[in-house]
Amino acid sequence: MNTPLNNRWYQQPVVWLFLTLLGVTVIACIGLMIVAIKSDDGLVADDYYQRGNEIGKDILRDRQAAKLGLSAKLMISDDGKTARLLLIPMPADPNTLTLTLSHPTKAGPDLTLPLRAGEDGMYKGKLDVGLTGERLLIRLDDPHGGWRLRGEAGLGQGAAVDLRPAGQ
C-alpha cells in the first residue's frame, strides 16, 4: 500500500508543532533544574522550629529597648570604611555593641561588626567590606542580649540611618 507523498507524517504541521512544544518543554525543564541546583536561595532554615521559639525572646528584647527609650543613629563615613553610631540615651554599661548588616534574602553577604565606645560618646567600628548601597537589614545588639534596635536602609558611602525598637 502506497501512501501519497502529501500524507507522510513528517510533512504534517501538527506533528512538528507537537514535537516543537515537547522539545521546548524538555529544554526548559533541564534549564530550570540547572538553575535550582546551582543557586542556593537560603530562605528556608533547617532549624525553623527553634527559630520560631526564639521569636518570643526577640520580641522581649524589642520591648526592653522601647522601655529604656533607646534609639540610635548609624552613620557610614564618606570613604565607606568606618561605621559610627550615636546611641541615645548613652548607657553606662556596654563598652561594645554588635552591629549586624544582613541582606534580606542572601545569607552570604551578611556582616557582623563589633562597635567600641569612643571618648567622644560615639561607637565606632571598621568595615572590612565596602557597602554598595543595596538594601540591608540592620540590627544593633547589646552584649548581654537584653535589648536590640533595628532598621532598614540602602547603606553606602556617607549614608545615615535611624535605628529604633521594632514596632516604632
C-alpha atoms as a PDB file:
ATOM      1  CA  MET A   1       0.000   0.000   0.000  1.00  0.00           C
ATOM      2  CA  ASN A   2       1.499   3.266  -1.100  1.00  0.00           C
ATOM      3  CA  THR A   3       0.946   6.453   0.862  1.00  0.00           C
ATOM      4  CA  PRO A   4       0.552   9.629  -1.137  1.00  0.00           C
ATOM      5  CA  LEU A   5       3.520  11.964  -0.698  1.00  0.00           C
ATOM      6  CA  ASN A   6       1.485  14.715   0.939  1.00  0.00           C
ATOM      7  CA  ASN A   7       0.206  12.386   3.729  1.00  0.00           C
ATOM      8  CA  ARG A   8       3.548  11.334   5.220  1.00  0.00           C
ATOM      9  CA  TRP A   9       3.825  12.012   8.981  1.00  0.00           C
ATOM     10  CA  TYR A  10       6.881  14.275   8.756  1.00  0.00           C
ATOM     11  CA  GLN A  11       5.070  16.564   6.331  1.00  0.00           C
ATOM     12  CA  GLN A  12       2.194  17.274   8.709  1.00  0.00           C
ATOM     13  CA  PRO A  13       2.458  20.672  10.519  1.00  0.00           C
ATOM     14  CA  VAL A  14       0.556  19.395  13.579  1.00  0.00           C
ATOM     15  CA  VAL A  15       3.217  16.740  14.187  1.00  0.00           C
ATOM     16  CA  TRP A  16       6.011  19.348  14.055  1.00  0.00           C
ATOM     17  CA  LEU A  17       4.079  21.676  16.335  1.00  0.00           C
ATOM     18  CA  PHE A  18       3.717  18.866  18.861  1.00  0.00           C
ATOM     19  CA  LEU A  19       7.417  17.895  18.627  1.00  0.00           C
ATOM     20  CA  THR A  20       8.494  21.542  18.936  1.00  0.00           C
ATOM     21  CA  LEU A  21       6.415  22.047  22.085  1.00  0.00           C
ATOM     22  CA  LEU A  22       7.782  18.803  23.523  1.00  0.00           C
ATOM     23  CA  GLY A  23      11.382  19.861  22.765  1.00  0.00           C
ATOM     24  CA  VAL A  24      10.910  23.337  24.272  1.00  0.00           C
ATOM     25  CA  THR A  25       9.421  21.775  27.404  1.00  0.00           C
ATOM     26  CA  VAL A  26      12.351  19.376  27.821  1.00  0.00           C
ATOM     27  CA  ILE A  27      14.920  22.179  27.321  1.00  0.00           C
ATOM     28  CA  ALA A  28      13.099  24.476  29.783  1.00  0.00           C
ATOM     29  CA  CYS A  29      12.935  21.682  32.356  1.00  0.00           C
ATOM     30  CA  ILE A  30      16.671  21.000  32.047  1.00  0.00           C
ATOM     31  CA  GLY A  31      17.399  24.732  32.354  1.00  0.00           C
ATOM     32  CA  LEU A  32      15.272  25.066  35.492  1.00  0.00           C
ATOM     33  CA  MET A  33      16.968  22.037  37.038  1.00  0.00           C
ATOM     34  CA  ILE A  34      20.392  23.596  36.403  1.00  0.00           C
ATOM     35  CA  VAL A  35      19.293  26.886  37.995  1.00  0.00           C
ATOM     36  CA  ALA A  36      17.819  25.065  41.010  1.00  0.00           C
ATOM     37  CA  ILE A  37      20.992  23.053  41.566  1.00  0.00           C
ATOM     38  CA  LYS A  38      23.425  25.956  41.143  1.00  0.00           C
ATOM     39  CA  SER A  39      21.564  28.550  43.232  1.00  0.00           C
ATOM     40  CA  ASP A  40      21.007  28.355  46.971  1.00  0.00           C
ATOM     41  CA  ASP A  41      18.244  30.757  47.927  1.00  0.00           C
ATOM     42  CA  GLY A  42      18.832  30.210  51.639  1.00  0.00           C
ATOM     43  CA  LEU A  43      15.280  31.186  52.518  1.00  0.00           C
ATOM     44  CA  VAL A  44      14.269  28.006  54.339  1.00  0.00           C
ATOM     45  CA  ALA A  45      16.111  27.400  57.591  1.00  0.00           C
ATOM     46  CA  ASP A  46      16.904  23.887  58.744  1.00  0.00           C
ATOM     47  CA  ASP A  47      16.146  24.789  62.357  1.00  0.00           C
ATOM     48  CA  TYR A  48      12.880  26.612  61.690  1.00  0.00           C
ATOM     49  CA  TYR A  49      11.213  25.217  64.825  1.00  0.00           C
ATOM     50  CA  GLN A  50      13.962  26.519  67.108  1.00  0.00           C
ATOM     51  CA  ARG A  51      13.918  29.902  65.351  1.00  0.00           C
ATOM     52  CA  GLY A  52      10.178  30.079  65.821  1.00  0.00           C
ATOM     53  CA  ASN A  53      10.603  29.572  69.551  1.00  0.00           C
ATOM     54  CA  GLU A  54      13.245  32.314  69.677  1.00  0.00           C
ATOM     55  CA  ILE A  55      10.860  34.893  68.178  1.00  0.00           C
ATOM     56  CA  GLY A  56       9.274  35.371  71.598  1.00  0.00           C
ATOM     57  CA  LYS A  57      12.672  36.189  73.096  1.00  0.00           C
ATOM     58  CA  ASP A  58      13.340  38.708  70.326  1.00  0.00           C
ATOM     59  CA  ILE A  59      10.033  40.460  70.966  1.00  0.00           C
ATOM     60  CA  LEU A  60      11.028  40.833  74.628  1.00  0.00           C
ATOM     61  CA  ARG A  61      14.326  42.420  73.536  1.00  0.00           C
ATOM     62  CA  ASP A  62      12.425  44.914  71.371  1.00  0.00           C
ATOM     63  CA  ARG A  63      10.097  45.751  74.260  1.00  0.00           C
ATOM     64  CA  GLN A  64      13.062  46.251  76.604  1.00  0.00           C
ATOM     65  CA  ALA A  65      14.665  48.702  74.149  1.00  0.00           C
ATOM     66  CA  ALA A  66      11.389  50.626  73.923  1.00  0.00           C
ATOM     67  CA  LYS A  67      11.068  50.604  77.722  1.00  0.00           C
ATOM     68  CA  LEU A  68      14.582  52.069  78.034  1.00  0.00           C
ATOM     69  CA  GLY A  69      13.725  54.689  75.395  1.00  0.00           C
ATOM     70  CA  LEU A  70      16.686  53.692  73.211  1.00  0.00           C
ATOM     71  CA  SER A  71      17.300  54.906  69.693  1.00  0.00           C
ATOM     72  CA  ALA A  72      20.438  55.200  67.602  1.00  0.00           C
ATOM     73  CA  LYS A  73      21.802  56.896  64.514  1.00  0.00           C
ATOM     74  CA  LEU A  74      24.170  54.862  62.353  1.00  0.00           C
ATOM     75  CA  MET A  75      26.484  56.817  60.046  1.00  0.00           C
ATOM     76  CA  ILE A  76      28.822  55.434  57.402  1.00  0.00           C
ATOM     77  CA  SER A  77      31.889  57.547  56.647  1.00  0.00           C
ATOM     78  CA  ASP A  78      32.337  59.191  53.249  1.00  0.00           C
ATOM     79  CA  ASP A  79      35.068  56.702  52.351  1.00  0.00           C
ATOM     80  CA  GLY A  80      32.816  53.793  53.427  1.00  0.00           C
ATOM     81  CA  LYS A  81      35.427  52.281  55.765  1.00  0.00           C
ATOM     82  CA  THR A  82      34.095  53.343  59.168  1.00  0.00           C
ATOM     83  CA  ALA A  83      30.744  52.938  60.879  1.00  0.00           C
ATOM     84  CA  ARG A  84      29.897  55.367  63.686  1.00  0.00           C
ATOM     85  CA  LEU A  85      26.899  55.085  65.947  1.00  0.00           C
ATOM     86  CA  LEU A  86      25.306  57.513  68.377  1.00  0.00           C
ATOM     87  CA  LEU A  87      23.172  55.724  70.970  1.00  0.00           C
ATOM     88  CA  ILE A  88      20.579  57.788  72.838  1.00  0.00           C
ATOM     89  CA  PRO A  89      20.458  57.697  75.818  1.00  0.00           C
ATOM     90  CA  MET A  90      24.055  56.637  76.311  1.00  0.00           C
ATOM     91  CA  PRO A  91      24.050  53.521  78.538  1.00  0.00           C
ATOM     92  CA  ALA A  92      26.554  53.291  81.366  1.00  0.00           C
ATOM     93  CA  ASP A  93      27.373  49.604  80.923  1.00  0.00           C
ATOM     94  CA  PRO A  94      28.227  48.393  77.420  1.00  0.00           C
ATOM     95  CA  ASN A  95      31.606  49.364  76.001  1.00  0.00           C
ATOM     96  CA  THR A  96      30.973  47.152  72.983  1.00  0.00           C
ATOM     97  CA  LEU A  97      27.868  46.718  70.852  1.00  0.00           C
ATOM     98  CA  THR A  98      27.283  44.343  67.949  1.00  0.00           C
ATOM     99  CA  LEU A  99      26.066  45.694  64.624  1.00  0.00           C
ATOM    100  CA  THR A 100      24.717  43.165  62.141  1.00  0.00           C
ATOM    101  CA  LEU A 101      24.172  44.110  58.496  1.00  0.00           C
ATOM    102  CA  SER A 102      22.296  41.407  56.623  1.00  0.00           C
ATOM    103  CA  HIS A 103      20.876  41.064  53.159  1.00  0.00           C
ATOM    104  CA  PRO A 104      17.117  40.341  53.209  1.00  0.00           C
ATOM    105  CA  THR A 105      17.372  37.202  51.059  1.00  0.00           C
ATOM    106  CA  LYS A 106      21.037  36.176  50.718  1.00  0.00           C
ATOM    107  CA  ALA A 107      22.982  34.779  53.659  1.00  0.00           C
ATOM    108  CA  GLY A 108      26.425  35.174  52.077  1.00  0.00           C
ATOM    109  CA  PRO A 109      26.945  38.948  52.275  1.00  0.00           C
ATOM    110  CA  ASP A 110      25.956  39.264  55.959  1.00  0.00           C
ATOM    111  CA  LEU A 111      28.380  41.246  58.109  1.00  0.00           C
ATOM    112  CA  THR A 112      28.758  41.348  61.902  1.00  0.00           C
ATOM    113  CA  LEU A 113      30.701  44.306  63.199  1.00  0.00           C
ATOM    114  CA  PRO A 114      31.771  44.994  66.809  1.00  0.00           C
ATOM    115  CA  LEU A 115      31.389  48.656  67.749  1.00  0.00           C
ATOM    116  CA  ARG A 116      33.535  50.027  70.558  1.00  0.00           C
ATOM    117  CA  ALA A 117      32.734  53.078  72.647  1.00  0.00           C
ATOM    118  CA  GLY A 118      34.961  56.054  71.934  1.00  0.00           C
ATOM    119  CA  GLU A 119      35.889  59.005  74.120  1.00  0.00           C
ATOM    120  CA  ASP A 120      33.512  61.280  72.219  1.00  0.00           C
ATOM    121  CA  GLY A 121      30.451  59.187  73.150  1.00  0.00           C
ATOM    122  CA  MET A 122      30.237  57.543  69.718  1.00  0.00           C
ATOM    123  CA  TYR A 123      30.615  53.861  68.995  1.00  0.00           C
ATOM    124  CA  LYS A 124      32.989  53.103  66.125  1.00  0.00           C
ATOM    125  CA  GLY A 125      33.885  50.102  64.014  1.00  0.00           C
ATOM    126  CA  LYS A 126      35.902  49.392  60.881  1.00  0.00           C
ATOM    127  CA  LEU A 127      34.179  47.965  57.819  1.00  0.00           C
ATOM    128  CA  ASP A 128      36.238  45.309  56.045  1.00  0.00           C
ATOM    129  CA  VAL A 129      33.938  45.285  53.044  1.00  0.00           C
ATOM    130  CA  GLY A 130      32.729  48.309  51.119  1.00  0.00           C
ATOM    131  CA  LEU A 131      28.986  48.865  51.172  1.00  0.00           C
ATOM    132  CA  THR A 132      27.377  49.151  47.754  1.00  0.00           C
ATOM    133  CA  GLY A 133      24.185  50.991  48.668  1.00  0.00           C
ATOM    134  CA  GLU A 134      21.938  47.948  48.398  1.00  0.00           C
ATOM    135  CA  ARG A 135      19.111  47.471  50.871  1.00  0.00           C
ATOM    136  CA  LEU A 136      20.236  45.895  54.152  1.00  0.00           C
ATOM    137  CA  LEU A 137      18.555  44.875  57.378  1.00  0.00           C
ATOM    138  CA  ILE A 138      20.375  46.475  60.301  1.00  0.00           C
ATOM    139  CA  ARG A 139      20.356  45.178  63.866  1.00  0.00           C
ATOM    140  CA  LEU A 140      22.134  46.591  66.916  1.00  0.00           C
ATOM    141  CA  ASP A 141      22.505  44.297  69.945  1.00  0.00           C
ATOM    142  CA  ASP A 142      23.848  44.879  73.419  1.00  0.00           C
ATOM    143  CA  PRO A 143      26.493  42.383  74.611  1.00  0.00           C
ATOM    144  CA  HIS A 144      24.178  40.796  77.189  1.00  0.00           C
ATOM    145  CA  GLY A 145      21.265  40.199  74.793  1.00  0.00           C
ATOM    146  CA  GLY A 146      18.922  42.400  76.805  1.00  0.00           C
ATOM    147  CA  TRP A 147      17.750  44.728  74.023  1.00  0.00           C
ATOM    148  CA  ARG A 148      18.071  45.355  70.309  1.00  0.00           C
ATOM    149  CA  LEU A 149      17.389  48.116  67.807  1.00  0.00           C
ATOM    150  CA  ARG A 150      16.579  47.576  64.160  1.00  0.00           C
ATOM    151  CA  GLY A 151      16.446  49.462  60.900  1.00  0.00           C
ATOM    152  CA  GLU A 152      16.455  49.010  57.174  1.00  0.00           C
ATOM    153  CA  ALA A 153      18.200  51.129  54.558  1.00  0.00           C
ATOM    154  CA  GLY A 154      20.360  51.214  51.492  1.00  0.00           C
ATOM    155  CA  LEU A 155      23.784  51.632  53.067  1.00  0.00           C
ATOM    156  CA  GLY A 156      26.642  53.074  51.085  1.00  0.00           C
ATOM    157  CA  GLN A 157      29.300  55.721  51.483  1.00  0.00           C
ATOM    158  CA  GLY A 158      28.093  58.673  53.557  1.00  0.00           C
ATOM    159  CA  ALA A 159      24.760  57.032  54.432  1.00  0.00           C
ATOM    160  CA  ALA A 160      22.927  57.551  57.721  1.00  0.00           C
ATOM    161  CA  VAL A 161      20.001  55.632  59.194  1.00  0.00           C
ATOM    162  CA  ASP A 162      17.958  55.748  62.397  1.00  0.00           C
ATOM    163  CA  LEU A 163      17.620  52.556  64.443  1.00  0.00           C
ATOM    164  CA  ARG A 164      14.624  52.022  66.702  1.00  0.00           C
ATOM    165  CA  PRO A 165      12.948  49.184  68.578  1.00  0.00           C
ATOM    166  CA  ALA A 166      10.710  47.102  66.328  1.00  0.00           C
ATOM    167  CA  GLY A 167       7.173  48.420  66.070  1.00  0.00           C
ATOM    168  CA  GLN A 168       8.099  52.085  66.465  1.00  0.00           C
END
